[in-house]
N, C-alpha and C. Protein backbone atom coordinates (compact mmCIF):
# COMPACT_ATOMS: atom_id res chain seq x y z
N MET A 1 -20.03 11.67 -9.77
CA MET A 1 -19.52 12.24 -8.53
C MET A 1 -18.51 11.30 -7.88
N ARG A 2 -18.84 9.98 -7.86
CA ARG A 2 -17.94 9.02 -7.23
C ARG A 2 -16.60 9.00 -7.95
N ARG A 3 -16.63 9.01 -9.29
CA ARG A 3 -15.38 9.00 -10.06
C ARG A 3 -14.57 10.27 -9.81
N THR A 4 -15.26 11.39 -9.65
CA THR A 4 -14.57 12.65 -9.37
C THR A 4 -13.87 12.58 -8.03
N CYS A 5 -14.56 12.05 -7.02
CA CYS A 5 -13.94 11.91 -5.69
C CYS A 5 -12.76 10.96 -5.73
N LEU A 6 -12.92 9.84 -6.47
CA LEU A 6 -11.84 8.88 -6.58
C LEU A 6 -10.65 9.50 -7.30
N ALA A 7 -10.91 10.27 -8.35
CA ALA A 7 -9.83 10.93 -9.09
C ALA A 7 -9.10 11.95 -8.21
N LEU A 8 -9.85 12.71 -7.42
CA LEU A 8 -9.22 13.68 -6.51
C LEU A 8 -8.37 12.97 -5.46
N ALA A 9 -8.91 11.89 -4.89
CA ALA A 9 -8.15 11.13 -3.89
C ALA A 9 -6.91 10.52 -4.51
N ALA A 10 -7.04 9.99 -5.71
CA ALA A 10 -5.90 9.40 -6.40
C ALA A 10 -4.83 10.44 -6.68
N GLY A 11 -5.25 11.63 -7.13
CA GLY A 11 -4.29 12.70 -7.38
C GLY A 11 -3.54 13.12 -6.14
N LEU A 12 -4.26 13.25 -5.05
CA LEU A 12 -3.65 13.63 -3.78
C LEU A 12 -2.68 12.55 -3.31
N LEU A 13 -3.12 11.30 -3.39
CA LEU A 13 -2.27 10.19 -2.97
C LEU A 13 -1.03 10.11 -3.84
N ALA A 14 -1.18 10.30 -5.15
CA ALA A 14 -0.03 10.25 -6.06
C ALA A 14 0.97 11.35 -5.73
N GLY A 15 0.47 12.53 -5.41
CA GLY A 15 1.36 13.63 -5.04
C GLY A 15 2.13 13.35 -3.77
N LEU A 16 1.44 12.79 -2.79
CA LEU A 16 2.10 12.45 -1.54
C LEU A 16 3.04 11.28 -1.70
N ALA A 17 2.64 10.32 -2.52
CA ALA A 17 3.46 9.12 -2.72
C ALA A 17 4.76 9.45 -3.43
N GLY A 18 4.80 10.53 -4.18
CA GLY A 18 6.01 10.90 -4.90
C GLY A 18 7.19 11.16 -3.97
N CYS A 19 6.94 11.38 -2.70
CA CYS A 19 7.99 11.63 -1.73
C CYS A 19 8.52 10.34 -1.09
N ALA A 20 8.00 9.21 -1.50
CA ALA A 20 8.37 7.95 -0.86
C ALA A 20 9.81 7.58 -1.17
N ALA A 21 10.46 6.95 -0.18
CA ALA A 21 11.83 6.50 -0.34
C ALA A 21 11.90 5.26 -1.24
N ASN A 22 10.84 4.47 -1.26
CA ASN A 22 10.78 3.24 -2.05
C ASN A 22 9.59 3.33 -2.99
N SER A 23 9.84 3.38 -4.29
CA SER A 23 8.77 3.58 -5.26
C SER A 23 8.70 2.39 -6.21
N ILE A 24 7.49 1.85 -6.38
CA ILE A 24 7.25 0.73 -7.29
C ILE A 24 6.17 1.18 -8.25
N SER A 25 6.40 1.06 -9.55
CA SER A 25 5.39 1.48 -10.52
C SER A 25 5.34 0.49 -11.68
N GLY A 26 4.33 0.68 -12.53
CA GLY A 26 4.16 -0.20 -13.67
C GLY A 26 3.13 -1.27 -13.37
N SER A 27 3.41 -2.49 -13.83
CA SER A 27 2.49 -3.58 -13.54
C SER A 27 3.25 -4.90 -13.42
N GLY A 28 2.71 -5.76 -12.58
CA GLY A 28 3.22 -7.11 -12.47
C GLY A 28 4.54 -7.29 -11.74
N SER A 29 4.98 -6.32 -10.96
CA SER A 29 6.25 -6.44 -10.23
C SER A 29 6.09 -7.31 -9.00
N ARG A 30 7.18 -7.97 -8.62
CA ARG A 30 7.21 -8.77 -7.39
C ARG A 30 8.44 -8.38 -6.59
N TYR A 31 8.20 -7.99 -5.35
CA TYR A 31 9.29 -7.59 -4.46
C TYR A 31 9.10 -8.28 -3.12
N ALA A 32 10.20 -8.70 -2.52
CA ALA A 32 10.22 -9.20 -1.15
C ALA A 32 11.53 -8.72 -0.56
N GLN A 33 11.44 -7.78 0.39
CA GLN A 33 12.67 -7.23 0.96
C GLN A 33 12.38 -6.52 2.27
N VAL A 34 13.48 -6.13 2.93
CA VAL A 34 13.39 -5.29 4.12
C VAL A 34 13.41 -3.86 3.61
N PHE A 35 12.34 -3.11 3.90
CA PHE A 35 12.21 -1.72 3.47
C PHE A 35 12.51 -0.79 4.63
N GLN A 36 13.17 0.32 4.32
CA GLN A 36 13.40 1.39 5.29
C GLN A 36 12.86 2.67 4.65
N GLY A 37 11.83 3.27 5.26
CA GLY A 37 11.22 4.46 4.70
C GLY A 37 9.87 4.17 4.08
N SER A 38 9.19 5.21 3.65
CA SER A 38 7.86 5.08 3.06
C SER A 38 7.91 4.31 1.74
N ILE A 39 6.79 3.66 1.41
CA ILE A 39 6.67 2.88 0.17
C ILE A 39 5.51 3.43 -0.64
N SER A 40 5.74 3.64 -1.93
CA SER A 40 4.70 4.05 -2.87
C SER A 40 4.57 2.97 -3.93
N ILE A 41 3.35 2.44 -4.10
CA ILE A 41 3.08 1.44 -5.12
C ILE A 41 2.02 2.01 -6.05
N VAL A 42 2.39 2.17 -7.33
CA VAL A 42 1.49 2.73 -8.32
C VAL A 42 1.40 1.74 -9.49
N GLY A 43 0.17 1.42 -9.90
CA GLY A 43 -0.01 0.51 -11.03
C GLY A 43 -0.92 -0.63 -10.67
N GLU A 44 -0.70 -1.77 -11.34
CA GLU A 44 -1.60 -2.89 -11.13
C GLU A 44 -0.84 -4.21 -11.04
N SER A 45 -1.47 -5.14 -10.34
CA SER A 45 -1.01 -6.53 -10.25
C SER A 45 0.39 -6.69 -9.66
N HIS A 46 0.74 -5.85 -8.71
CA HIS A 46 2.01 -6.00 -8.00
C HIS A 46 1.84 -6.96 -6.82
N GLU A 47 2.92 -7.65 -6.47
CA GLU A 47 2.96 -8.47 -5.26
C GLU A 47 4.18 -8.04 -4.46
N VAL A 48 3.94 -7.53 -3.25
CA VAL A 48 5.02 -6.99 -2.43
C VAL A 48 4.97 -7.62 -1.05
N THR A 49 6.12 -8.08 -0.58
CA THR A 49 6.24 -8.59 0.78
C THR A 49 7.16 -7.66 1.56
N ILE A 50 6.63 -7.09 2.63
CA ILE A 50 7.41 -6.24 3.52
C ILE A 50 7.94 -7.16 4.62
N GLN A 51 9.23 -7.43 4.56
CA GLN A 51 9.82 -8.44 5.42
C GLN A 51 10.09 -7.93 6.83
N SER A 52 10.24 -8.88 7.73
CA SER A 52 10.56 -8.60 9.13
C SER A 52 11.80 -7.71 9.21
N GLY A 53 11.75 -6.71 10.09
CA GLY A 53 12.85 -5.76 10.23
C GLY A 53 12.62 -4.47 9.46
N SER A 54 11.58 -4.43 8.63
CA SER A 54 11.25 -3.21 7.88
C SER A 54 10.71 -2.15 8.82
N LYS A 55 10.98 -0.89 8.49
CA LYS A 55 10.43 0.26 9.23
C LYS A 55 9.81 1.19 8.19
N VAL A 56 8.47 1.13 8.08
CA VAL A 56 7.74 1.84 7.04
C VAL A 56 6.74 2.80 7.70
N PRO A 57 7.02 4.11 7.67
CA PRO A 57 6.07 5.05 8.25
C PRO A 57 4.76 5.14 7.47
N LYS A 58 4.86 4.99 6.12
CA LYS A 58 3.63 5.06 5.32
C LYS A 58 3.74 4.17 4.08
N LEU A 59 2.69 3.39 3.85
CA LEU A 59 2.54 2.60 2.64
C LEU A 59 1.41 3.21 1.84
N SER A 60 1.69 3.67 0.61
CA SER A 60 0.68 4.27 -0.26
C SER A 60 0.50 3.39 -1.49
N ILE A 61 -0.76 3.06 -1.77
CA ILE A 61 -1.08 2.24 -2.94
C ILE A 61 -2.06 3.02 -3.80
N LEU A 62 -1.73 3.15 -5.08
CA LEU A 62 -2.60 3.78 -6.06
C LEU A 62 -2.67 2.83 -7.25
N GLY A 63 -3.73 2.03 -7.31
CA GLY A 63 -3.81 1.07 -8.39
C GLY A 63 -4.87 0.03 -8.15
N GLU A 64 -4.74 -1.07 -8.89
CA GLU A 64 -5.70 -2.15 -8.82
C GLU A 64 -4.98 -3.49 -8.70
N ASP A 65 -5.61 -4.39 -7.98
CA ASP A 65 -5.13 -5.77 -7.85
C ASP A 65 -3.70 -5.84 -7.31
N VAL A 66 -3.41 -5.00 -6.32
CA VAL A 66 -2.10 -5.01 -5.66
C VAL A 66 -2.21 -5.86 -4.40
N ARG A 67 -1.26 -6.75 -4.18
CA ARG A 67 -1.23 -7.61 -3.01
C ARG A 67 0.02 -7.30 -2.19
N VAL A 68 -0.18 -6.93 -0.94
CA VAL A 68 0.94 -6.64 -0.05
C VAL A 68 0.82 -7.53 1.17
N THR A 69 1.92 -8.18 1.53
CA THR A 69 1.99 -8.99 2.74
C THR A 69 2.99 -8.34 3.68
N ILE A 70 2.57 -8.07 4.89
CA ILE A 70 3.45 -7.52 5.92
C ILE A 70 3.78 -8.65 6.87
N GLU A 71 5.06 -8.98 6.96
CA GLU A 71 5.48 -10.09 7.82
C GLU A 71 5.52 -9.66 9.29
N PRO A 72 5.35 -10.62 10.20
CA PRO A 72 5.54 -10.32 11.62
C PRO A 72 6.96 -9.76 11.84
N GLY A 73 7.06 -8.75 12.67
CA GLY A 73 8.35 -8.12 12.93
C GLY A 73 8.62 -6.91 12.06
N ALA A 74 7.73 -6.64 11.10
CA ALA A 74 7.84 -5.43 10.28
C ALA A 74 6.97 -4.35 10.92
N ALA A 75 7.43 -3.10 10.87
CA ALA A 75 6.67 -1.98 11.43
C ALA A 75 6.13 -1.12 10.29
N VAL A 76 4.80 -1.03 10.21
CA VAL A 76 4.12 -0.16 9.26
C VAL A 76 3.13 0.66 10.06
N VAL A 77 3.19 1.99 9.93
CA VAL A 77 2.37 2.87 10.75
C VAL A 77 1.06 3.23 10.07
N LYS A 78 1.11 3.58 8.78
CA LYS A 78 -0.07 4.08 8.08
C LYS A 78 -0.14 3.46 6.69
N ILE A 79 -1.37 3.08 6.29
CA ILE A 79 -1.61 2.54 4.95
C ILE A 79 -2.71 3.37 4.30
N GLU A 80 -2.44 3.90 3.10
CA GLU A 80 -3.42 4.64 2.32
C GLU A 80 -3.59 3.94 0.98
N VAL A 81 -4.84 3.65 0.62
CA VAL A 81 -5.12 2.93 -0.62
C VAL A 81 -6.14 3.70 -1.44
N ALA A 82 -5.84 3.90 -2.72
CA ALA A 82 -6.80 4.47 -3.68
C ALA A 82 -6.81 3.55 -4.89
N GLY A 83 -7.96 3.01 -5.20
CA GLY A 83 -8.08 2.07 -6.31
C GLY A 83 -9.06 0.97 -5.95
N ASP A 84 -9.01 -0.12 -6.69
CA ASP A 84 -9.96 -1.20 -6.49
C ASP A 84 -9.24 -2.55 -6.36
N ASP A 85 -9.85 -3.44 -5.58
CA ASP A 85 -9.42 -4.84 -5.46
C ASP A 85 -7.98 -4.99 -4.97
N ASN A 86 -7.57 -4.18 -4.02
CA ASN A 86 -6.25 -4.29 -3.42
C ASN A 86 -6.37 -5.04 -2.10
N GLU A 87 -5.32 -5.76 -1.73
CA GLU A 87 -5.36 -6.58 -0.52
C GLU A 87 -4.06 -6.42 0.26
N ILE A 88 -4.18 -6.11 1.53
CA ILE A 88 -3.03 -6.00 2.41
C ILE A 88 -3.22 -7.02 3.52
N ILE A 89 -2.26 -7.91 3.69
CA ILE A 89 -2.29 -8.91 4.75
C ILE A 89 -1.27 -8.49 5.79
N CYS A 90 -1.71 -8.37 7.05
CA CYS A 90 -0.79 -7.95 8.10
C CYS A 90 -0.97 -8.82 9.34
N PRO A 91 0.04 -8.83 10.20
CA PRO A 91 -0.05 -9.61 11.43
C PRO A 91 -1.19 -9.11 12.32
N GLU A 92 -1.79 -10.01 13.04
CA GLU A 92 -2.92 -9.70 13.93
C GLU A 92 -2.60 -8.56 14.88
N GLY A 93 -1.41 -8.52 15.44
CA GLY A 93 -1.08 -7.54 16.46
C GLY A 93 -0.55 -6.20 15.95
N LEU A 94 -0.44 -6.03 14.63
CA LEU A 94 0.10 -4.79 14.09
C LEU A 94 -0.94 -3.68 14.20
N ASN A 95 -0.59 -2.61 14.90
CA ASN A 95 -1.48 -1.46 15.05
C ASN A 95 -1.18 -0.49 13.91
N VAL A 96 -2.09 -0.43 12.93
CA VAL A 96 -1.85 0.37 11.73
C VAL A 96 -3.08 1.22 11.44
N GLU A 97 -2.84 2.45 10.99
CA GLU A 97 -3.91 3.34 10.55
C GLU A 97 -4.20 3.01 9.08
N PHE A 98 -5.48 2.76 8.75
CA PHE A 98 -5.85 2.32 7.40
C PHE A 98 -6.91 3.23 6.81
N ALA A 99 -6.63 3.81 5.64
CA ALA A 99 -7.60 4.66 4.93
C ALA A 99 -7.69 4.17 3.49
N THR A 100 -8.93 4.09 2.98
CA THR A 100 -9.11 3.57 1.63
C THR A 100 -10.15 4.35 0.86
N THR A 101 -9.92 4.47 -0.45
CA THR A 101 -10.88 5.02 -1.39
C THR A 101 -10.96 4.04 -2.55
N GLY A 102 -12.16 3.63 -2.89
CA GLY A 102 -12.34 2.67 -3.98
C GLY A 102 -13.15 1.49 -3.52
N ASP A 103 -13.24 0.48 -4.37
CA ASP A 103 -14.06 -0.69 -4.09
C ASP A 103 -13.21 -1.92 -3.79
N ASP A 104 -13.69 -2.70 -2.84
CA ASP A 104 -13.12 -4.02 -2.52
C ASP A 104 -11.65 -3.99 -2.12
N ASN A 105 -11.23 -2.95 -1.41
CA ASN A 105 -9.89 -2.92 -0.82
C ASN A 105 -9.99 -3.55 0.56
N LYS A 106 -9.05 -4.44 0.88
CA LYS A 106 -9.16 -5.21 2.12
C LYS A 106 -7.87 -5.14 2.95
N LEU A 107 -8.05 -5.00 4.25
CA LEU A 107 -6.97 -5.19 5.21
C LEU A 107 -7.30 -6.46 5.96
N ILE A 108 -6.48 -7.49 5.77
CA ILE A 108 -6.72 -8.80 6.36
C ILE A 108 -5.69 -9.04 7.45
N ARG A 109 -6.17 -9.38 8.61
CA ARG A 109 -5.27 -9.65 9.75
C ARG A 109 -5.14 -11.16 9.95
N ARG A 110 -3.90 -11.62 10.00
CA ARG A 110 -3.63 -13.06 10.21
C ARG A 110 -2.58 -13.25 11.24
């Protein structure tokens, strides 16, 4: 049952993420840039830094072992995560909506 729910959530997230202005897929990618528009990250072992000045209405992650750092001065409104062992580090004062499906996904405020 749990796998079925995770698969349904992943399918829904993947469908929604397909509309993202910034799409990262595969495995092992590293990005650090100012993003404008939604971000979709699909796959595993990515490292992404959302730099100051970014305006991201939605960050969607579908995968495992993805690390995202949101710098102070970047605006991210909503984060959706489906998968396991993903980590998002964001500034203490960033007001963000966070939804997750899977195991050991973390939103860390620093």
